[in-house]
């Protein structure tokens, strides 16, 4: 099943939205939360994208995460389980048929954590790369406005290429994330 999406320009409100969402998540997960991070396009000033807030939370014990499913449901999130990788959990929130929130839950040693933070930090510190990424996503969204899966399928190889540049940058700048 395809889902609705749209491409929008960067908005300063995303930082405040992250702050609100972080409080909700911390209230639900309590002491299990070690760290929270704003990731994805909404975390990079000037970068447009889907207006979906991505929050990554790092927890003490991944085996306890599914026990929070009912609390997350009560707060309006849908538990998606190991949707992204087998070692992570995803919770989503939707409004009027469009996804507005992705809550990614990872353990401290999960490679997805370092990759997500490095990708975000790379884009924040390389505005020309962020512009190339922005323009590419905008063109895809224009070309496939009603087909999120094609948008995603065509975007993934671009991200993989960019991740190679991110890895090289991280090797030269290990303190950057």
N, C-alpha and C. Protein backbone atom coordinates (compact mmCIF):
# COMPACT_ATOMS: atom_id res chain seq x y z
N UNK A 1 0.84 -1.18 0.00
CA UNK A 1 0.00 0.00 0.00
C UNK A 1 0.89 1.25 0.00
N UNK A 2 0.65 2.12 -0.94
CA UNK A 2 1.39 3.36 -1.01
C UNK A 2 0.86 4.32 0.05
N UNK A 3 1.69 5.25 0.49
CA UNK A 3 1.22 6.22 1.47
C UNK A 3 1.45 7.63 0.96
N UNK A 4 0.63 8.55 1.49
CA UNK A 4 0.74 9.95 1.09
C UNK A 4 2.03 10.55 1.61
N UNK A 5 2.58 11.46 0.83
CA UNK A 5 3.73 12.23 1.28
C UNK A 5 3.78 13.51 0.48
N UNK A 6 4.54 14.45 0.99
CA UNK A 6 4.78 15.69 0.25
C UNK A 6 6.17 16.20 0.63
N UNK A 7 6.72 17.03 -0.22
CA UNK A 7 8.01 17.65 0.01
C UNK A 7 7.76 19.10 0.40
N UNK A 8 8.37 19.55 1.48
CA UNK A 8 8.22 20.93 1.93
C UNK A 8 9.60 21.53 2.21
N UNK A 9 9.66 22.83 2.19
CA UNK A 9 10.91 23.53 2.54
C UNK A 9 11.14 23.42 4.05
N UNK A 10 12.38 23.62 4.46
CA UNK A 10 12.74 23.57 5.87
C UNK A 10 11.92 24.58 6.66
N UNK A 11 11.56 24.21 7.89
CA UNK A 11 10.80 25.10 8.77
C UNK A 11 11.41 25.10 10.16
N UNK A 12 11.62 26.29 10.72
CA UNK A 12 12.20 26.40 12.07
C UNK A 12 11.36 25.71 13.14
N UNK A 13 10.08 25.54 12.88
CA UNK A 13 9.21 24.91 13.89
C UNK A 13 9.61 23.46 14.18
N UNK A 14 10.38 22.84 13.32
CA UNK A 14 10.75 21.43 13.53
C UNK A 14 11.61 21.26 14.77
N UNK A 15 12.41 22.24 15.10
CA UNK A 15 13.22 22.15 16.32
C UNK A 15 12.31 22.16 17.54
N UNK A 16 11.33 23.02 17.55
CA UNK A 16 10.38 23.06 18.68
C UNK A 16 9.52 21.80 18.71
N UNK A 17 9.16 21.29 17.55
CA UNK A 17 8.39 20.05 17.49
C UNK A 17 9.20 18.89 18.08
N UNK A 18 10.51 18.87 17.78
CA UNK A 18 11.37 17.85 18.38
C UNK A 18 11.37 17.96 19.90
N UNK A 19 11.49 19.17 20.42
CA UNK A 19 11.50 19.36 21.87
C UNK A 19 10.22 18.82 22.51
N UNK A 20 9.09 19.07 21.89
CA UNK A 20 7.80 18.55 22.42
C UNK A 20 7.76 17.03 22.35
N UNK A 21 8.19 16.50 21.22
CA UNK A 21 8.14 15.05 21.02
C UNK A 21 9.10 14.34 21.98
N UNK A 22 10.25 14.93 22.18
CA UNK A 22 11.23 14.35 23.10
C UNK A 22 10.65 14.23 24.51
N UNK A 23 9.93 15.25 24.95
CA UNK A 23 9.33 15.21 26.28
C UNK A 23 8.32 14.06 26.38
N UNK A 24 7.49 13.90 25.36
CA UNK A 24 6.50 12.81 25.35
C UNK A 24 7.21 11.46 25.46
N UNK A 25 8.24 11.28 24.66
CA UNK A 25 8.97 10.01 24.64
C UNK A 25 9.65 9.74 25.97
N UNK A 26 10.29 10.77 26.52
CA UNK A 26 10.95 10.59 27.82
C UNK A 26 9.93 10.26 28.92
N UNK A 27 8.75 10.88 28.85
CA UNK A 27 7.71 10.57 29.83
C UNK A 27 7.27 9.11 29.72
N UNK A 28 7.20 8.59 28.51
CA UNK A 28 6.76 7.21 28.30
C UNK A 28 7.85 6.22 28.69
N UNK A 29 9.05 6.42 28.19
CA UNK A 29 10.14 5.45 28.38
C UNK A 29 10.92 5.66 29.69
N UNK A 30 10.78 6.81 30.29
CA UNK A 30 11.41 7.07 31.58
C UNK A 30 12.91 6.80 31.60
N UNK A 31 13.33 6.05 32.61
CA UNK A 31 14.76 5.79 32.82
C UNK A 31 15.39 4.90 31.76
N UNK A 32 14.59 4.31 30.90
CA UNK A 32 15.15 3.49 29.81
C UNK A 32 15.89 4.35 28.80
N UNK A 33 15.53 5.66 28.71
CA UNK A 33 16.14 6.55 27.72
C UNK A 33 17.51 7.00 28.18
N UNK A 34 18.51 6.74 27.37
CA UNK A 34 19.87 7.22 27.62
C UNK A 34 20.13 8.53 26.88
N UNK A 35 19.67 8.61 25.62
CA UNK A 35 19.90 9.78 24.78
C UNK A 35 18.72 9.95 23.83
N UNK A 36 18.51 11.17 23.37
CA UNK A 36 17.55 11.43 22.29
C UNK A 36 18.25 12.29 21.25
N UNK A 37 17.90 12.07 19.99
CA UNK A 37 18.52 12.82 18.90
C UNK A 37 17.47 13.16 17.86
N UNK A 38 17.55 14.38 17.37
CA UNK A 38 16.74 14.82 16.23
C UNK A 38 17.53 14.43 14.98
N UNK A 39 16.97 13.58 14.15
CA UNK A 39 17.65 13.12 12.93
C UNK A 39 16.75 13.38 11.73
N UNK A 40 17.21 12.98 10.57
CA UNK A 40 16.42 13.12 9.35
C UNK A 40 16.45 14.54 8.81
N UNK A 41 15.72 14.75 7.75
CA UNK A 41 15.74 16.05 7.06
C UNK A 41 15.31 17.21 7.94
N UNK A 42 14.38 16.98 8.85
CA UNK A 42 13.90 18.08 9.70
C UNK A 42 14.97 18.53 10.70
N UNK A 43 16.06 17.79 10.82
CA UNK A 43 17.12 18.15 11.77
C UNK A 43 18.25 18.96 11.14
N UNK A 44 18.15 19.21 9.84
CA UNK A 44 19.23 19.91 9.13
C UNK A 44 18.69 21.25 8.63
N UNK A 45 19.10 22.36 9.26
CA UNK A 45 18.63 23.67 8.83
C UNK A 45 18.84 23.89 7.33
N UNK A 46 17.77 24.32 6.67
CA UNK A 46 17.82 24.61 5.24
C UNK A 46 17.48 23.43 4.35
N UNK A 47 17.41 22.23 4.92
CA UNK A 47 17.13 21.04 4.12
C UNK A 47 15.63 20.77 4.09
N UNK A 48 15.07 20.73 2.90
CA UNK A 48 13.66 20.39 2.76
C UNK A 48 13.47 18.89 2.78
N UNK A 49 12.23 18.49 2.82
CA UNK A 49 11.92 17.06 2.81
C UNK A 49 10.49 16.82 3.21
N UNK A 50 10.21 15.59 3.53
CA UNK A 50 8.88 15.28 4.04
C UNK A 50 8.77 15.92 5.41
N UNK A 51 7.62 16.49 5.75
CA UNK A 51 7.48 17.11 7.08
C UNK A 51 7.22 16.06 8.16
N UNK A 52 8.09 15.06 8.17
CA UNK A 52 7.99 13.98 9.15
C UNK A 52 9.15 14.13 10.11
N UNK A 53 8.83 14.34 11.36
CA UNK A 53 9.86 14.49 12.39
C UNK A 53 10.43 13.12 12.73
N UNK A 54 11.75 12.99 12.64
CA UNK A 54 12.43 11.76 13.01
C UNK A 54 13.16 11.96 14.33
N UNK A 55 12.82 11.13 15.30
CA UNK A 55 13.45 11.17 16.61
C UNK A 55 14.11 9.81 16.84
N UNK A 56 15.37 9.83 17.23
CA UNK A 56 16.05 8.58 17.59
C UNK A 56 16.25 8.58 19.08
N UNK A 57 15.79 7.51 19.72
CA UNK A 57 16.05 7.39 21.15
C UNK A 57 16.94 6.17 21.38
N UNK A 58 17.90 6.37 22.25
CA UNK A 58 18.82 5.32 22.63
C UNK A 58 18.36 4.82 24.00
N UNK A 59 18.15 3.51 24.09
CA UNK A 59 17.64 2.94 25.35
C UNK A 59 18.67 2.01 25.98
N UNK A 60 18.48 1.79 27.27
CA UNK A 60 19.36 0.90 28.04
C UNK A 60 19.24 -0.54 27.59
N UNK A 61 17.99 -0.99 27.36
CA UNK A 61 17.74 -2.41 27.13
C UNK A 61 16.69 -2.58 26.03
N UNK A 62 17.15 -2.96 24.85
CA UNK A 62 16.23 -3.13 23.71
C UNK A 62 15.17 -4.21 23.99
N UNK A 63 15.47 -5.17 24.83
CA UNK A 63 14.50 -6.24 25.10
C UNK A 63 13.27 -5.72 25.84
N UNK A 64 13.34 -4.52 26.38
CA UNK A 64 12.19 -3.94 27.10
C UNK A 64 11.31 -3.05 26.23
N UNK A 65 11.78 -2.71 25.04
CA UNK A 65 11.09 -1.71 24.22
C UNK A 65 9.66 -2.10 23.90
N UNK A 66 9.44 -3.35 23.50
CA UNK A 66 8.09 -3.76 23.12
C UNK A 66 7.10 -3.67 24.28
N UNK A 67 7.59 -3.65 25.51
CA UNK A 67 6.69 -3.53 26.67
C UNK A 67 6.09 -2.13 26.76
N UNK A 68 6.60 -1.19 25.98
CA UNK A 68 6.05 0.18 25.96
C UNK A 68 5.03 0.38 24.84
N UNK A 69 4.73 -0.65 24.07
CA UNK A 69 3.82 -0.52 22.93
C UNK A 69 2.47 0.07 23.32
N UNK A 70 1.87 -0.38 24.41
CA UNK A 70 0.55 0.12 24.80
C UNK A 70 0.59 1.59 25.20
N UNK A 71 1.65 2.00 25.89
CA UNK A 71 1.79 3.42 26.25
C UNK A 71 1.98 4.27 24.99
N UNK A 72 2.75 3.74 24.04
CA UNK A 72 2.96 4.48 22.80
C UNK A 72 1.65 4.57 22.01
N UNK A 73 0.89 3.50 21.98
CA UNK A 73 -0.42 3.54 21.32
C UNK A 73 -1.31 4.58 21.96
N UNK A 74 -1.33 4.64 23.29
CA UNK A 74 -2.15 5.62 24.01
C UNK A 74 -1.75 7.05 23.67
N UNK A 75 -0.48 7.24 23.31
CA UNK A 75 0.01 8.58 22.93
C UNK A 75 -0.14 8.84 21.43
N UNK A 76 -0.77 7.90 20.70
CA UNK A 76 -1.04 8.12 19.28
C UNK A 76 -0.05 7.52 18.32
N UNK A 77 0.88 6.71 18.80
CA UNK A 77 1.88 6.09 17.94
C UNK A 77 1.48 4.67 17.57
N UNK A 78 1.87 4.26 16.40
CA UNK A 78 1.66 2.88 15.96
C UNK A 78 2.99 2.12 16.08
N UNK A 79 3.01 1.07 16.87
CA UNK A 79 4.23 0.26 16.93
C UNK A 79 4.41 -0.51 15.62
N UNK A 80 5.57 -0.36 15.01
CA UNK A 80 5.87 -1.02 13.74
C UNK A 80 6.85 -2.17 13.92
N UNK A 81 7.34 -2.36 15.13
CA UNK A 81 8.29 -3.45 15.39
C UNK A 81 9.64 -3.19 14.74
N UNK A 82 10.27 -4.26 14.30
CA UNK A 82 11.59 -4.19 13.67
C UNK A 82 11.44 -3.83 12.19
N UNK A 83 10.88 -2.69 11.93
CA UNK A 83 10.51 -2.25 10.59
C UNK A 83 11.72 -1.83 9.75
N UNK A 84 12.69 -1.17 10.39
CA UNK A 84 13.85 -0.64 9.67
C UNK A 84 14.98 -1.66 9.65
N UNK A 85 15.35 -2.17 10.80
CA UNK A 85 16.36 -3.23 10.92
C UNK A 85 15.92 -4.17 12.04
N UNK A 86 16.43 -5.39 12.05
CA UNK A 86 16.03 -6.34 13.09
C UNK A 86 16.40 -5.91 14.51
N UNK A 87 17.40 -5.04 14.63
CA UNK A 87 17.87 -4.64 15.96
C UNK A 87 17.26 -3.33 16.46
N UNK A 88 16.37 -2.73 15.69
CA UNK A 88 15.76 -1.45 16.07
C UNK A 88 14.24 -1.62 16.16
N UNK A 89 13.58 -0.60 16.69
CA UNK A 89 12.12 -0.56 16.71
C UNK A 89 11.69 0.79 16.15
N UNK A 90 10.53 0.80 15.51
CA UNK A 90 9.98 2.02 14.94
C UNK A 90 8.57 2.21 15.45
N UNK A 91 8.25 3.44 15.83
CA UNK A 91 6.89 3.85 16.16
C UNK A 91 6.56 5.02 15.24
N UNK A 92 5.36 5.03 14.69
CA UNK A 92 4.96 6.11 13.77
C UNK A 92 3.70 6.77 14.26
N UNK A 93 3.53 8.02 13.85
CA UNK A 93 2.30 8.76 14.13
C UNK A 93 1.83 9.34 12.80
N UNK A 94 0.54 9.25 12.56
CA UNK A 94 -0.04 9.70 11.30
C UNK A 94 -1.18 10.67 11.58
N UNK A 95 -1.30 11.68 10.72
CA UNK A 95 -2.41 12.62 10.81
C UNK A 95 -2.96 12.84 9.40
N UNK A 96 -4.25 12.67 9.24
CA UNK A 96 -4.91 12.85 7.94
C UNK A 96 -4.24 12.05 6.83
N UNK A 97 -3.82 10.84 7.16
CA UNK A 97 -3.24 9.94 6.18
C UNK A 97 -1.77 10.17 5.88
N UNK A 98 -1.15 11.17 6.51
CA UNK A 98 0.27 11.44 6.29
C UNK A 98 1.05 11.19 7.56
N UNK A 99 2.18 10.54 7.40
CA UNK A 99 3.04 10.28 8.56
C UNK A 99 3.66 11.59 9.02
N UNK A 100 3.55 11.84 10.33
CA UNK A 100 4.09 13.07 10.91
C UNK A 100 5.27 12.81 11.84
N UNK A 101 5.38 11.57 12.35
CA UNK A 101 6.44 11.25 13.30
C UNK A 101 6.98 9.85 13.05
N UNK A 102 8.30 9.72 13.17
CA UNK A 102 8.98 8.44 13.21
C UNK A 102 9.83 8.45 14.48
N UNK A 103 9.58 7.51 15.36
CA UNK A 103 10.38 7.37 16.56
C UNK A 103 11.21 6.10 16.38
N UNK A 104 12.51 6.28 16.20
CA UNK A 104 13.44 5.17 15.99
C UNK A 104 14.07 4.83 17.34
N UNK A 105 13.97 3.59 17.76
CA UNK A 105 14.54 3.18 19.04
C UNK A 105 15.71 2.24 18.76
N UNK A 106 16.86 2.57 19.36
CA UNK A 106 18.07 1.79 19.15
C UNK A 106 18.78 1.58 20.48
N UNK A 107 19.64 0.57 20.49
CA UNK A 107 20.54 0.37 21.62
C UNK A 107 21.80 1.18 21.42
N UNK A 108 22.57 1.35 22.49
CA UNK A 108 23.76 2.21 22.46
C UNK A 108 24.80 1.75 21.43
N UNK A 109 24.90 0.47 21.18
CA UNK A 109 25.93 -0.04 20.27
C UNK A 109 25.40 -0.34 18.87
N UNK A 110 24.18 0.07 18.58
CA UNK A 110 23.61 -0.22 17.27
C UNK A 110 24.28 0.63 16.20
N UNK A 111 24.73 0.03 15.10
CA UNK A 111 25.37 0.80 14.03
C UNK A 111 24.46 1.87 13.42
N UNK A 112 23.16 1.68 13.52
CA UNK A 112 22.20 2.66 12.97
C UNK A 112 22.34 4.01 13.69
N UNK A 113 22.69 3.96 14.97
CA UNK A 113 22.86 5.20 15.74
C UNK A 113 23.99 6.03 15.15
N UNK A 114 25.17 5.47 15.04
CA UNK A 114 26.32 6.21 14.52
C UNK A 114 26.07 6.68 13.08
N UNK A 115 25.49 5.79 12.26
CA UNK A 115 25.24 6.16 10.87
C UNK A 115 24.28 7.33 10.77
N UNK A 116 23.21 7.31 11.54
CA UNK A 116 22.21 8.39 11.49
C UNK A 116 22.78 9.72 11.96
N UNK A 117 23.55 9.68 13.04
CA UNK A 117 24.14 10.92 13.56
C UNK A 117 25.22 11.46 12.61
N UNK A 118 26.02 10.56 12.05
CA UNK A 118 27.06 11.00 11.11
C UNK A 118 26.44 11.62 9.85
N UNK A 119 25.38 11.00 9.34
CA UNK A 119 24.71 11.53 8.15
C UNK A 119 24.16 12.92 8.43
N UNK A 120 23.48 13.07 9.58
CA UNK A 120 22.94 14.37 9.96
C UNK A 120 24.06 15.41 10.10
N UNK A 121 25.11 15.06 10.82
CA UNK A 121 26.20 16.01 11.08
C UNK A 121 26.95 16.37 9.80
N UNK A 122 27.07 15.41 8.90
CA UNK A 122 27.71 15.68 7.62
C UNK A 122 26.90 16.72 6.84
N UNK A 123 25.60 16.53 6.77
CA UNK A 123 24.76 17.48 6.04
C UNK A 123 24.77 18.85 6.71
N UNK A 124 24.77 18.88 8.03
CA UNK A 124 24.83 20.16 8.74
C UNK A 124 26.13 20.91 8.46
N UNK A 125 27.22 20.18 8.29
CA UNK A 125 28.52 20.84 8.10
C UNK A 125 28.93 20.95 6.63
N UNK A 126 28.11 20.44 5.72
CA UNK A 126 28.40 20.52 4.28
C UNK A 126 27.15 21.05 3.56
N UNK A 127 26.92 22.37 3.63
CA UNK A 127 25.70 22.93 3.05
C UNK A 127 25.55 22.70 1.54
N UNK A 128 26.67 22.61 0.83
CA UNK A 128 26.55 22.35 -0.61
C UNK A 128 26.03 20.93 -0.86
N UNK A 129 26.49 19.97 -0.08
CA UNK A 129 25.99 18.59 -0.18
C UNK A 129 24.52 18.54 0.22
N UNK A 130 24.16 19.29 1.26
CA UNK A 130 22.77 19.33 1.70
C UNK A 130 21.89 19.90 0.59
N UNK A 131 22.39 20.90 -0.13
CA UNK A 131 21.62 21.49 -1.24
C UNK A 131 21.44 20.49 -2.37
N UNK A 132 22.48 19.74 -2.69
CA UNK A 132 22.38 18.72 -3.73
C UNK A 132 21.34 17.68 -3.33
N UNK A 133 21.39 17.24 -2.08
CA UNK A 133 20.43 16.27 -1.56
C UNK A 133 19.01 16.85 -1.59
N UNK A 134 18.86 18.08 -1.16
CA UNK A 134 17.57 18.76 -1.17
C UNK A 134 17.00 18.80 -2.60
N UNK A 135 17.80 19.24 -3.54
CA UNK A 135 17.33 19.37 -4.92
C UNK A 135 16.97 18.01 -5.52
N UNK A 136 17.75 16.99 -5.18
CA UNK A 136 17.46 15.64 -5.67
C UNK A 136 16.11 15.16 -5.13
N UNK A 137 15.90 15.32 -3.84
CA UNK A 137 14.63 14.88 -3.24
C UNK A 137 13.45 15.66 -3.80
N UNK A 138 13.64 16.95 -3.98
CA UNK A 138 12.57 17.78 -4.52
C UNK A 138 12.20 17.34 -5.94
N UNK A 139 13.20 17.04 -6.75
CA UNK A 139 12.95 16.57 -8.12
C UNK A 139 12.21 15.23 -8.10
N UNK A 140 12.61 14.33 -7.22
CA UNK A 140 11.92 13.04 -7.11
C UNK A 140 10.47 13.23 -6.69
N UNK A 141 10.25 14.10 -5.72
CA UNK A 141 8.88 14.35 -5.24
C UNK A 141 8.02 14.96 -6.33
N UNK A 142 8.61 15.80 -7.16
CA UNK A 142 7.88 16.40 -8.28
C UNK A 142 7.57 15.33 -9.33
N UNK A 143 8.53 14.45 -9.57
CA UNK A 143 8.37 13.40 -10.57
C UNK A 143 7.40 12.29 -10.11
N UNK A 144 7.36 12.03 -8.82
CA UNK A 144 6.53 10.93 -8.28
C UNK A 144 5.69 11.42 -7.11
N UNK A 145 4.79 12.40 -7.33
CA UNK A 145 4.06 13.00 -6.21
C UNK A 145 3.09 12.04 -5.50
N UNK A 146 2.64 11.02 -6.18
CA UNK A 146 1.66 10.10 -5.59
C UNK A 146 2.22 8.69 -5.40
N UNK A 147 3.54 8.58 -5.44
CA UNK A 147 4.14 7.25 -5.38
C UNK A 147 5.35 7.28 -4.44
N UNK A 148 5.09 7.17 -3.14
CA UNK A 148 6.15 7.24 -2.14
C UNK A 148 7.16 6.11 -2.34
N UNK A 149 6.69 4.93 -2.69
CA UNK A 149 7.62 3.81 -2.81
C UNK A 149 8.62 4.00 -3.94
N UNK A 150 8.19 4.58 -5.05
CA UNK A 150 9.14 4.88 -6.12
C UNK A 150 10.09 5.99 -5.68
N UNK A 151 9.56 7.01 -5.01
CA UNK A 151 10.39 8.07 -4.45
C UNK A 151 11.48 7.47 -3.58
N UNK A 152 11.08 6.59 -2.68
CA UNK A 152 12.03 5.97 -1.74
C UNK A 152 13.03 5.06 -2.47
N UNK A 153 12.52 4.27 -3.41
CA UNK A 153 13.38 3.34 -4.16
C UNK A 153 14.46 4.10 -4.93
N UNK A 154 14.11 5.24 -5.49
CA UNK A 154 15.08 6.03 -6.25
C UNK A 154 15.99 6.86 -5.34
N UNK A 155 15.51 7.18 -4.15
CA UNK A 155 16.32 7.97 -3.22
C UNK A 155 17.38 7.11 -2.52
N UNK A 156 17.08 5.86 -2.26
CA UNK A 156 17.99 5.00 -1.50
C UNK A 156 19.39 4.89 -2.10
N UNK A 157 19.55 4.68 -3.42
CA UNK A 157 20.92 4.61 -3.96
C UNK A 157 21.69 5.93 -3.79
N UNK A 158 20.98 7.04 -3.90
CA UNK A 158 21.60 8.34 -3.69
C UNK A 158 22.13 8.44 -2.26
N UNK A 159 21.32 8.00 -1.30
CA UNK A 159 21.73 8.03 0.10
C UNK A 159 22.93 7.12 0.33
N UNK A 160 22.93 5.94 -0.28
CA UNK A 160 24.07 5.03 -0.13
C UNK A 160 25.35 5.66 -0.66
N UNK A 161 25.28 6.35 -1.79
CA UNK A 161 26.45 7.06 -2.31
C UNK A 161 26.91 8.14 -1.34
N UNK A 162 25.95 8.88 -0.80
CA UNK A 162 26.30 9.93 0.14
C UNK A 162 26.89 9.33 1.42
N UNK A 163 26.37 8.19 1.85
CA UNK A 163 26.91 7.55 3.05
C UNK A 163 28.38 7.16 2.88
N UNK A 164 28.78 6.84 1.66
CA UNK A 164 30.20 6.57 1.41
C UNK A 164 31.04 7.82 1.68
N UNK A 165 30.55 8.97 1.26
CA UNK A 165 31.25 10.23 1.52
C UNK A 165 31.26 10.53 3.02
N UNK A 166 30.14 10.23 3.67
CA UNK A 166 30.04 10.44 5.12
C UNK A 166 31.07 9.58 5.85
N UNK A 167 31.20 8.32 5.46
CA UNK A 167 32.17 7.42 6.11
C UNK A 167 33.60 7.94 5.95
N UNK A 168 33.93 8.41 4.76
CA UNK A 168 35.27 8.97 4.53
C UNK A 168 35.49 10.21 5.39
N UNK A 169 34.48 11.05 5.47
CA UNK A 169 34.56 12.26 6.29
C UNK A 169 34.74 11.90 7.76
N UNK A 170 34.00 10.89 8.23
CA UNK A 170 34.10 10.46 9.63
C UNK A 170 35.50 9.93 9.95
N UNK A 171 36.11 9.23 9.00
CA UNK A 171 37.46 8.72 9.25
C UNK A 171 38.45 9.88 9.43
N UNK A 172 38.24 10.94 8.67
CA UNK A 172 39.13 12.11 8.77
C UNK A 172 38.77 13.00 9.96
N UNK A 173 37.50 12.92 10.41
CA UNK A 173 37.00 13.79 11.49
C UNK A 173 36.26 12.95 12.54
N UNK A 174 36.94 12.09 13.25
CA UNK A 174 36.26 11.19 14.18
C UNK A 174 35.52 11.88 15.31
N UNK A 175 35.89 13.09 15.65
CA UNK A 175 35.24 13.83 16.75
C UNK A 175 33.98 14.56 16.28
N UNK A 176 33.62 14.48 15.02
CA UNK A 176 32.54 15.30 14.46
C UNK A 176 31.16 14.90 14.91
N UNK A 177 30.92 13.68 15.35
CA UNK A 177 29.57 13.30 15.79
C UNK A 177 29.51 13.17 17.28
